[in-house]
Amino acid sequence: MAHFEVRISDEGLAEIDGDPLLHEPDQTVHEAVLDQLQRYAQERGAAVEATVNDGPGAAHFALEMSPDGSSRILAPEEPPAPEPEPVLVASVASVASVTARALSLAEAPAPSAIATAIARARARATVADRVAAAPAQLSARTIDLPAELAEPIGRINALAGVGRLDEAFAEATALRERLTGSMGAEHPQALEARAVEAYLAHLRGDPREATVLALAVARIRCGARDDRAPEEVARATAAWQRLDDDQAALTHGRELLHMWAKLEHRGPLSPGHSELAEQVRRHVEALMAYA
């Protein structure tokens, strides 16, 4: 597994393996570190590790970042010293629970900004992989389209298959716009095309676009009392959990809560969907407290 050394100064400057890291004006240095580690993971198609030193005398821990943006703090090795000393320990709790904050056996520095950022990123990560039926996986879709559309669908699949995701997404957007214009946004074929577009946005690392698209599908399914509505709300939840913008996460999270409540009013949710709904509720409450 590839390994990187991350250092962050008290002045808010970061470097990875000695190379300075620049960040956007609307982005914190800690978010920039997480984003860069995710890019490294995406380039390699596998998780990467990083040793993080967040300021002199502050947090020192190991982090694992996956290509999909989910992260976990690796458990530190047991120190060999016979005498107990102040130790900063960071760990990740199980699903439907909160990422554990740094704990110390004696006086120790407060959790660093990057530890907080990682905890928030982890809180946003999908719980789909930990639900038995994996209902929240934003997975590929099979579109039931007439034969004349087989060619564009085949081209989209081929592009995505060789990693040309931007081109595949553009093709999917064009297809969705064409179907929506000729059949209407609520037509089943247009909805399926929009779902594929959402999935491709997810693959190309655009959680905001994936969330907006997936929510649109879920909204229409819920309004029509479609049997597939719970599945679509779960997909929208999976996309939403990747958002890194708190305000957007709060706005869309409230809509998701409304959808889950609407579905629950019509009948009991499955255990997996109930867990997702509870995860959304907790995350929204945390965002409201943070705001």
Protein backbone atom coordinates (compact mmCIF):
# COMPACT_ATOMS: atom_id res chain seq x y z
CA MET A 1 0.00 0.00 0.00
CA ALA A 2 1.39 3.42 -0.96
CA HIS A 3 2.41 5.56 2.01
CA PHE A 4 2.71 9.34 2.31
CA GLU A 5 4.06 11.71 4.93
CA VAL A 6 1.85 14.71 5.67
CA ARG A 7 3.09 17.71 7.63
CA ILE A 8 1.00 20.74 8.57
CA SER A 9 2.57 23.79 10.15
CA ASP A 10 1.07 26.14 12.72
CA GLU A 11 0.87 28.70 9.89
CA GLY A 12 -1.59 26.49 8.01
CA LEU A 13 0.88 25.30 5.36
CA ALA A 14 0.93 21.66 4.31
CA GLU A 15 3.27 19.40 2.42
CA ILE A 16 3.02 15.79 1.33
CA ASP A 17 6.28 13.90 0.99
CA GLY A 18 8.06 17.25 1.08
CA ASP A 19 6.04 18.80 -1.75
CA PRO A 20 4.03 21.94 -0.84
CA LEU A 21 0.27 21.52 -1.11
CA LEU A 22 -1.85 24.39 -2.41
CA HIS A 23 -5.54 24.69 -1.63
CA GLU A 24 -8.48 26.62 -3.02
CA PRO A 25 -9.55 29.89 -1.35
CA ASP A 26 -12.78 28.33 -0.07
CA GLN A 27 -11.02 25.21 1.20
CA THR A 28 -9.19 24.61 4.47
CA VAL A 29 -5.72 23.14 4.41
CA HIS A 30 -7.03 20.02 6.15
CA GLU A 31 -9.71 19.49 3.52
CA ALA A 32 -7.06 19.96 0.84
CA VAL A 33 -4.96 17.21 2.44
CA LEU A 34 -7.91 14.82 2.48
CA ASP A 35 -8.76 15.64 -1.14
CA GLN A 36 -5.17 15.11 -2.29
CA LEU A 37 -4.93 11.77 -0.50
CA GLN A 38 -8.17 10.70 -2.17
CA ARG A 39 -6.72 11.67 -5.57
CA TYR A 40 -3.64 9.54 -4.85
CA ALA A 41 -5.95 6.62 -3.99
CA GLN A 42 -8.00 7.14 -7.15
CA GLU A 43 -4.86 7.23 -9.30
CA ARG A 44 -3.76 3.90 -7.85
CA GLY A 45 -7.19 2.32 -7.69
CA ALA A 46 -6.50 1.31 -4.09
CA ALA A 47 -6.42 2.76 -0.60
CA VAL A 48 -3.35 4.69 0.52
CA GLU A 49 -1.89 5.36 3.95
CA ALA A 50 -0.56 8.62 5.34
CA THR A 51 1.27 9.53 8.49
CA VAL A 52 -0.07 12.89 9.61
CA ASN A 53 1.86 15.38 11.72
CA ASP A 54 -0.49 18.27 12.39
CA GLY A 55 1.64 21.02 13.84
CA PRO A 56 4.53 20.84 16.32
CA GLY A 57 3.51 18.91 19.41
CA ALA A 58 0.02 18.22 18.05
CA ALA A 59 -1.62 15.15 16.59
CA HIS A 60 0.47 12.36 15.10
CA PHE A 61 -1.46 9.46 13.63
CA ALA A 62 -1.86 7.19 10.63
CA LEU A 63 -4.76 7.55 8.21
CA GLU A 64 -6.07 5.25 5.48
CA MET A 65 -7.89 6.88 2.55
CA SER A 66 -9.94 4.93 0.00
CA PRO A 67 -10.55 5.95 -3.63
CA ASP A 68 -14.22 6.67 -2.83
CA GLY A 69 -13.26 9.24 -0.20
CA SER A 70 -13.99 7.17 2.90
CA SER A 71 -11.24 7.26 5.49
CA ARG A 72 -10.31 5.66 8.76
CA ILE A 73 -7.76 6.36 11.43
CA LEU A 74 -5.49 3.36 11.90
CA ALA A 75 -5.05 2.02 15.39
CA PRO A 76 -1.60 2.91 16.73
CA GLU A 77 0.85 0.22 17.73
CA GLU A 78 1.32 -0.49 21.42
CA PRO A 79 4.30 1.56 22.73
CA PRO A 80 7.17 -0.59 24.07
CA ALA A 81 8.01 1.74 26.97
CA PRO A 82 7.42 0.14 30.40
CA GLU A 83 6.30 3.38 32.01
CA PRO A 84 2.80 4.66 31.12
CA GLU A 85 3.04 7.96 29.32
CA PRO A 86 0.45 10.31 27.82
CA VAL A 87 -0.67 8.69 24.59
CA LEU A 88 -2.95 10.21 21.99
CA VAL A 89 -5.16 7.50 20.59
CA ALA A 90 -7.60 7.94 17.72
CA SER A 91 -9.98 5.21 16.64
CA VAL A 92 -13.04 4.76 14.48
CA ALA A 93 -16.32 3.56 16.03
CA SER A 94 -18.74 1.19 14.34
CA VAL A 95 -21.65 2.15 11.97
CA ALA A 96 -24.61 4.26 13.39
CA SER A 97 -22.10 5.49 15.97
CA VAL A 98 -19.86 8.55 16.03
CA THR A 99 -16.17 8.53 15.10
CA ALA A 100 -14.33 8.49 18.41
CA ARG A 101 -12.48 11.64 19.36
CA ALA A 102 -8.86 11.59 20.40
CA LEU A 103 -8.47 10.34 23.95
CA SER A 104 -5.49 10.63 26.29
CA LEU A 105 -4.36 8.75 29.39
CA ALA A 106 -3.18 12.02 30.89
CA GLU A 107 -3.00 15.61 29.75
CA ALA A 108 -2.65 15.73 25.96
CA PRO A 109 -3.23 18.28 23.20
CA ALA A 110 -6.81 18.88 22.16
CA PRO A 111 -7.94 17.15 18.95
CA SER A 112 -6.37 18.89 16.01
CA ALA A 113 -8.24 20.53 13.18
CA ILE A 114 -7.36 17.74 10.79
CA ALA A 115 -8.65 15.13 13.23
CA THR A 116 -11.92 17.03 13.33
CA ALA A 117 -11.99 17.27 9.54
CA ILE A 118 -11.36 13.54 9.27
CA ALA A 119 -14.10 12.79 11.77
CA ARG A 120 -16.51 14.90 9.76
CA ALA A 121 -15.41 13.23 6.53
CA ARG A 122 -15.87 9.83 8.11
CA ALA A 123 -19.32 10.83 9.37
CA ARG A 124 -20.26 11.67 5.79
CA ALA A 125 -19.02 8.34 4.45
CA THR A 126 -21.65 5.87 3.31
CA VAL A 127 -22.78 3.14 5.68
CA ALA A 128 -23.91 1.04 2.74
CA ASP A 129 -20.99 -1.36 2.97
CA ARG A 130 -21.93 -2.15 6.56
CA VAL A 131 -25.61 -2.86 5.86
CA ALA A 132 -26.28 -6.49 4.95
CA ALA A 133 -28.33 -5.74 1.86
CA ALA A 134 -26.13 -2.78 0.92
CA PRO A 135 -29.16 -0.68 -0.12
CA ALA A 136 -27.24 2.58 -0.20
CA GLN A 137 -24.61 1.63 -2.73
CA LEU A 138 -24.78 4.09 -5.59
CA SER A 139 -24.38 1.31 -8.12
CA ALA A 140 -24.73 0.96 -11.85
CA ARG A 141 -28.17 0.75 -13.41
CA THR A 142 -29.60 -1.23 -16.26
CA ILE A 143 -31.70 1.02 -18.48
CA ASP A 144 -34.76 -0.42 -20.21
CA LEU A 145 -34.62 1.55 -23.43
CA PRO A 146 -35.83 0.85 -26.96
CA ALA A 147 -33.47 -0.72 -29.47
CA GLU A 148 -32.67 2.57 -31.22
CA LEU A 149 -30.99 3.79 -28.03
CA ALA A 150 -28.79 0.74 -27.65
CA GLU A 151 -25.92 2.46 -29.45
CA PRO A 152 -25.62 5.52 -27.15
CA ILE A 153 -26.01 3.32 -24.07
CA GLY A 154 -23.35 0.96 -25.35
CA ARG A 155 -21.05 3.91 -26.01
CA ILE A 156 -21.57 5.24 -22.46
CA ASN A 157 -20.79 1.83 -20.98
CA ALA A 158 -17.69 1.48 -23.15
CA LEU A 159 -16.38 4.90 -22.16
CA ALA A 160 -16.93 4.25 -18.47
CA GLY A 161 -15.36 0.83 -18.79
CA VAL A 162 -12.04 2.28 -19.93
CA GLY A 163 -12.05 5.08 -17.36
CA ARG A 164 -13.13 7.91 -19.69
CA LEU A 165 -15.65 9.06 -17.11
CA ASP A 166 -15.90 12.70 -18.16
CA GLU A 167 -16.88 11.68 -21.68
CA ALA A 168 -19.28 9.02 -20.37
CA PHE A 169 -20.90 11.58 -18.10
CA ALA A 170 -21.29 14.07 -20.94
CA GLU A 171 -22.90 11.38 -23.10
CA ALA A 172 -25.25 10.40 -20.26
CA THR A 173 -26.22 14.03 -19.69
CA ALA A 174 -27.01 14.47 -23.38
CA LEU A 175 -29.08 11.29 -23.36
CA ARG A 176 -31.02 12.34 -20.27
CA GLU A 177 -31.71 15.78 -21.74
CA ARG A 178 -32.90 14.24 -24.98
CA LEU A 179 -35.21 11.78 -23.24
CA THR A 180 -36.51 14.42 -20.85
CA GLY A 181 -37.24 16.77 -23.72
CA SER A 182 -39.12 14.17 -25.74
CA MET A 183 -40.80 12.14 -22.99
CA GLY A 184 -40.85 14.32 -19.90
CA ALA A 185 -38.77 14.25 -16.73
CA GLU A 186 -41.04 11.70 -15.03
CA HIS A 187 -40.97 9.14 -17.85
CA PRO A 188 -39.38 5.86 -16.62
CA GLN A 189 -36.71 5.93 -19.33
CA ALA A 190 -35.77 9.53 -18.52
CA LEU A 191 -35.61 8.65 -14.82
CA GLU A 192 -33.34 5.69 -15.46
CA ALA A 193 -31.08 7.82 -17.65
CA ARG A 194 -30.87 10.40 -14.83
CA ALA A 195 -29.97 7.62 -12.38
CA VAL A 196 -27.13 6.50 -14.65
CA GLU A 197 -25.99 10.12 -14.88
CA ALA A 198 -25.95 10.29 -11.07
CA TYR A 199 -23.88 7.12 -10.88
CA LEU A 200 -21.33 8.46 -13.35
CA ALA A 201 -21.12 11.74 -11.42
CA HIS A 202 -20.34 9.63 -8.36
CA LEU A 203 -17.63 7.69 -10.21
CA ARG A 204 -15.94 10.84 -11.46
CA GLY A 205 -15.76 12.26 -7.94
CA ASP A 206 -18.52 14.88 -8.12
CA PRO A 207 -20.69 14.22 -5.03
CA ARG A 208 -22.62 17.47 -5.38
CA GLU A 209 -23.82 16.65 -8.91
CA ALA A 210 -24.44 13.02 -7.96
CA THR A 211 -26.56 14.12 -5.00
CA VAL A 212 -28.64 16.60 -6.99
CA LEU A 213 -29.32 14.06 -9.73
CA ALA A 214 -30.07 11.18 -7.37
CA LEU A 215 -32.37 13.38 -5.28
CA ALA A 216 -34.31 14.35 -8.40
CA VAL A 217 -34.95 10.68 -9.18
CA ALA A 218 -35.92 9.94 -5.57
CA ARG A 219 -38.22 12.97 -5.41
CA ILE A 220 -40.16 11.87 -8.49
CA ARG A 221 -40.38 8.25 -7.32
CA CYS A 222 -41.64 9.33 -3.89
CA GLY A 223 -44.21 11.70 -5.39
CA ALA A 224 -45.53 8.92 -7.62
CA ARG A 225 -45.64 6.46 -4.69
CA ASP A 226 -43.45 4.20 -6.79
CA ASP A 227 -42.41 0.87 -5.24
CA ARG A 228 -38.80 1.72 -6.12
CA ALA A 229 -38.88 4.94 -4.09
CA PRO A 230 -37.07 3.50 -1.02
CA GLU A 231 -34.25 2.24 -3.25
CA GLU A 232 -33.89 5.63 -4.91
CA VAL A 233 -33.89 7.48 -1.58
CA ALA A 234 -31.18 5.09 -0.39
CA ARG A 235 -29.14 5.87 -3.52
CA ALA A 236 -29.60 9.59 -2.93
CA THR A 237 -28.47 9.06 0.67
CA ALA A 238 -25.33 7.30 -0.55
CA ALA A 239 -24.50 10.26 -2.79
CA TRP A 240 -25.32 12.80 -0.05
CA GLN A 241 -22.99 11.12 2.41
CA ARG A 242 -20.05 12.12 0.20
CA LEU A 243 -20.78 15.85 0.25
CA ASP A 244 -17.99 17.99 1.67
CA ASP A 245 -20.01 21.21 1.81
CA ASP A 246 -21.78 21.53 5.16
CA GLN A 247 -24.46 23.92 3.95
CA ALA A 248 -25.31 21.73 0.97
CA ALA A 249 -25.27 18.65 3.19
CA LEU A 250 -27.66 20.32 5.62
CA THR A 251 -30.06 21.48 2.90
CA HIS A 252 -30.16 18.16 1.08
CA GLY A 253 -30.13 16.23 4.35
CA ARG A 254 -33.35 17.89 5.43
CA GLU A 255 -34.97 16.86 2.16
CA LEU A 256 -33.77 13.30 2.67
CA LEU A 257 -35.24 13.26 6.18
CA HIS A 258 -38.56 14.40 4.72
CA MET A 259 -38.43 11.62 2.14
CA TRP A 260 -37.59 8.94 4.68
CA ALA A 261 -40.39 10.16 6.96
CA LYS A 262 -42.80 10.11 4.03
CA LEU A 263 -41.83 6.53 3.17
CA GLU A 264 -42.07 5.44 6.80
CA HIS A 265 -45.55 6.93 7.03
CA ARG A 266 -46.64 4.67 4.17
CA GLY A 267 -45.28 1.55 5.83
CA PRO A 268 -42.39 0.17 7.90
CA LEU A 269 -38.95 0.62 6.40
CA SER A 270 -36.60 -2.32 5.99
CA PRO A 271 -33.91 -2.62 8.70
CA GLY A 272 -31.26 -1.36 6.28
CA HIS A 273 -33.32 1.63 5.23
CA SER A 274 -34.20 2.41 8.85
CA GLU A 275 -30.51 2.48 9.66
CA LEU A 276 -29.84 4.84 6.77
CA ALA A 277 -32.67 7.14 7.85
CA GLU A 278 -31.25 7.24 11.37
CA GLN A 279 -27.78 7.99 10.01
CA VAL A 280 -29.18 10.93 8.05
CA ARG A 281 -31.00 12.24 11.12
CA ARG A 282 -27.86 12.11 13.28
CA HIS A 283 -25.72 13.74 10.63
CA VAL A 284 -28.23 16.54 10.08
CA GLU A 285 -28.42 17.16 13.82
CA ALA A 286 -24.63 17.28 14.00
CA LEU A 287 -24.50 19.73 11.10
CA MET A 288 -27.11 21.94 12.76
CA ALA A 289 -25.11 21.97 15.98
CA TYR A 290 -21.90 22.71 14.06
CA ALA A 291 -23.58 25.57 12.15
